[in-house]
Amino acid sequence: MCDYSLHAVASRPAKAGETLITTTFRGAGTRGFAAKTEPEVAVCLLPGTELAFADAVAYDDDWGWKKSTTVRVARFRKVEPDVSYRHHDAIEFPDGSTVLVTQLRKGQRATVLQLPIRAQVPERSTKATTPAEAHETEAASAVGKQ
């Protein structure tokens, strides 16, 4: 859920509707998201989490230049997961461009609009492998429809 660079930092999953701030975590030397009330705890996002920033997103590019966009919405993504020496947490803008979370300028506020559906509903297998399991699945479905 959180980038490898935040493994030494206390963390918790994001909650729909909460407001996060971008911050640099002590001892990690990298930026990420935290709740205003818990600035030392990294808030981890699942890929697909939708964010709305209070202002246009501002970040530092690969060369350290300060940049900003006119965009205020983004979706959390993991990029280059097979490259072990790079940061993987990123936000993706509606045009498909991405910015690493560690490049986001400190102090920006973002509200978690929506968590990915798989984070909200536990996965259930509806495939039964035996007749008894098929009967249990049908019975459970019938109870749920009443």
Protein backbone atom coordinates (compact mmCIF):
# COMPACT_ATOMS: atom_id res chain seq x y z
CA MET A 1 0.00 0.00 0.00
CA CYS A 2 2.74 2.49 0.85
CA ASP A 3 5.94 2.96 -1.09
CA TYR A 4 8.97 0.96 0.02
CA SER A 5 10.56 4.16 1.35
CA LEU A 6 7.84 4.44 4.01
CA HIS A 7 8.22 0.97 5.53
CA ALA A 8 9.96 2.42 8.61
CA VAL A 9 7.08 4.86 9.22
CA ALA A 10 3.85 4.03 11.07
CA SER A 11 1.04 3.72 8.55
CA ARG A 12 -2.66 3.08 8.14
CA PRO A 13 -5.08 2.76 5.21
CA ALA A 14 -6.96 5.76 3.82
CA LYS A 15 -10.63 6.35 4.61
CA ALA A 16 -13.18 7.71 2.15
CA GLY A 17 -14.00 11.36 2.83
CA GLU A 18 -10.94 12.19 4.90
CA THR A 19 -8.65 15.11 4.12
CA LEU A 20 -4.95 14.35 3.75
CA ILE A 21 -1.90 16.60 3.59
CA THR A 22 1.32 16.03 1.72
CA THR A 23 4.28 15.92 4.07
CA THR A 24 7.86 14.73 4.47
CA PHE A 25 8.16 11.96 7.03
CA ARG A 26 10.91 12.20 9.62
CA GLY A 27 13.49 9.48 9.19
CA ALA A 28 12.22 8.46 5.75
CA GLY A 29 13.41 11.41 3.69
CA THR A 30 10.45 11.05 1.36
CA ARG A 31 7.05 12.65 0.95
CA GLY A 32 3.68 11.04 1.27
CA PHE A 33 0.18 11.58 2.61
CA ALA A 34 -0.79 12.01 6.27
CA ALA A 35 -3.95 13.03 8.10
CA LYS A 36 -3.80 16.49 9.62
CA THR A 37 -4.48 14.99 13.06
CA GLU A 38 -1.77 12.31 12.64
CA PRO A 39 1.17 14.00 10.87
CA GLU A 40 3.65 11.23 11.77
CA VAL A 41 1.48 8.41 10.36
CA ALA A 42 1.64 7.68 6.63
CA VAL A 43 -1.79 7.22 5.06
CA CYS A 44 -1.52 4.51 2.45
CA LEU A 45 -3.67 4.52 -0.67
CA LEU A 46 -4.71 1.63 -2.86
CA PRO A 47 -4.34 1.94 -6.62
CA GLY A 48 -7.51 3.49 -8.01
CA THR A 49 -8.18 5.73 -4.99
CA GLU A 50 -9.60 9.03 -6.26
CA LEU A 51 -8.38 12.33 -4.77
CA ALA A 52 -9.56 15.93 -5.02
CA PHE A 53 -6.93 18.53 -4.19
CA ALA A 54 -7.95 21.82 -2.56
CA ASP A 55 -5.80 23.73 -5.08
CA ALA A 56 -4.04 22.98 -8.35
CA VAL A 57 -1.48 20.22 -7.80
CA ALA A 58 2.08 21.51 -7.29
CA TYR A 59 5.19 19.34 -7.52
CA ASP A 60 8.94 19.32 -8.14
CA ASP A 61 10.03 17.79 -11.44
CA ASP A 62 12.97 15.39 -11.85
CA TRP A 63 15.38 18.33 -12.03
CA GLY A 64 14.03 20.12 -8.95
CA TRP A 65 12.05 22.76 -10.86
CA LYS A 66 8.83 23.81 -9.18
CA LYS A 67 5.85 22.96 -11.36
CA SER A 68 2.09 23.15 -11.02
CA THR A 69 -0.91 22.04 -12.99
CA THR A 70 -4.39 23.42 -13.42
CA VAL A 71 -5.73 20.02 -12.38
CA ARG A 72 -7.27 19.37 -8.98
CA VAL A 73 -8.31 15.73 -9.32
CA ALA A 74 -6.15 12.64 -9.58
CA ARG A 75 -6.18 8.89 -9.12
CA PHE A 76 -3.55 7.03 -7.09
CA ARG A 77 -1.43 4.57 -9.09
CA LYS A 78 1.60 2.31 -8.69
CA VAL A 79 4.24 2.83 -11.37
CA GLU A 80 7.22 0.67 -12.36
CA PRO A 81 6.63 -1.98 -9.66
CA ASP A 82 9.44 -4.15 -11.02
CA VAL A 83 12.10 -1.45 -10.61
CA SER A 84 13.29 -1.91 -7.03
CA TYR A 85 15.32 1.30 -6.71
CA ARG A 86 12.52 3.72 -7.71
CA HIS A 87 9.53 5.17 -5.92
CA HIS A 88 6.29 3.53 -7.02
CA ASP A 89 3.54 5.68 -5.49
CA ALA A 90 2.17 8.18 -8.01
CA ILE A 91 -0.92 10.15 -8.89
CA GLU A 92 -2.38 10.07 -12.37
CA PHE A 93 -4.15 13.04 -13.88
CA PRO A 94 -7.15 12.79 -16.24
CA ASP A 95 -4.83 13.29 -19.25
CA GLY A 96 -2.85 10.14 -18.28
CA SER A 97 0.28 11.94 -17.03
CA THR A 98 1.68 10.91 -13.65
CA VAL A 99 3.66 12.53 -10.84
CA LEU A 100 5.40 10.58 -8.09
CA VAL A 101 3.90 11.22 -4.64
CA THR A 102 7.40 11.96 -3.31
CA GLN A 103 7.56 14.88 -5.79
CA LEU A 104 4.38 16.55 -4.50
CA ARG A 105 5.05 19.83 -2.70
CA LYS A 106 4.53 19.78 1.06
CA GLY A 107 1.37 21.16 2.64
CA GLN A 108 -1.13 20.37 -0.10
CA ARG A 109 -4.57 19.18 0.97
CA ALA A 110 -6.41 16.38 -0.80
CA THR A 111 -9.72 14.75 0.03
CA VAL A 112 -10.20 11.03 -0.55
CA LEU A 113 -13.23 11.02 -2.85
CA GLN A 114 -13.53 7.31 -3.41
CA LEU A 115 -11.66 4.14 -2.55
CA PRO A 116 -11.40 1.43 -5.20
CA ILE A 117 -14.37 -0.94 -5.11
CA ARG A 118 -12.22 -3.91 -4.08
CA ALA A 119 -11.20 -2.02 -0.92
CA GLN A 120 -14.82 -1.40 0.04
CA VAL A 121 -16.33 -4.84 -0.55
CA PRO A 122 -14.54 -8.02 0.53
CA GLU A 123 -14.14 -10.41 -2.37
CA ARG A 124 -16.34 -13.51 -2.27
CA SER A 125 -16.06 -16.47 -4.49
CA THR A 126 -19.40 -17.53 -5.92
CA LYS A 127 -17.93 -20.55 -7.67
CA ALA A 128 -18.89 -23.71 -5.85
CA THR A 129 -16.73 -26.80 -6.23
CA THR A 130 -19.05 -29.42 -4.71
CA PRO A 131 -22.83 -29.92 -4.78
CA ALA A 132 -23.00 -29.10 -1.05
CA GLU A 133 -21.15 -25.81 -1.62
CA ALA A 134 -23.45 -25.01 -4.56
CA HIS A 135 -26.50 -25.56 -2.32
CA GLU A 136 -24.99 -23.31 0.40
CA THR A 137 -24.30 -20.58 -2.16
CA GLU A 138 -27.87 -20.78 -3.52
CA ALA A 139 -29.31 -20.71 0.02
CA ALA A 140 -27.20 -17.68 0.96
CA SER A 141 -28.28 -15.87 -2.23
CA ALA A 142 -31.93 -16.60 -1.52
CA VAL A 143 -31.65 -15.26 2.03
CA GLY A 144 -29.97 -12.09 0.78
CA LYS A 145 -32.82 -11.42 -1.71
CA GLN A 146 -35.60 -11.60 0.90
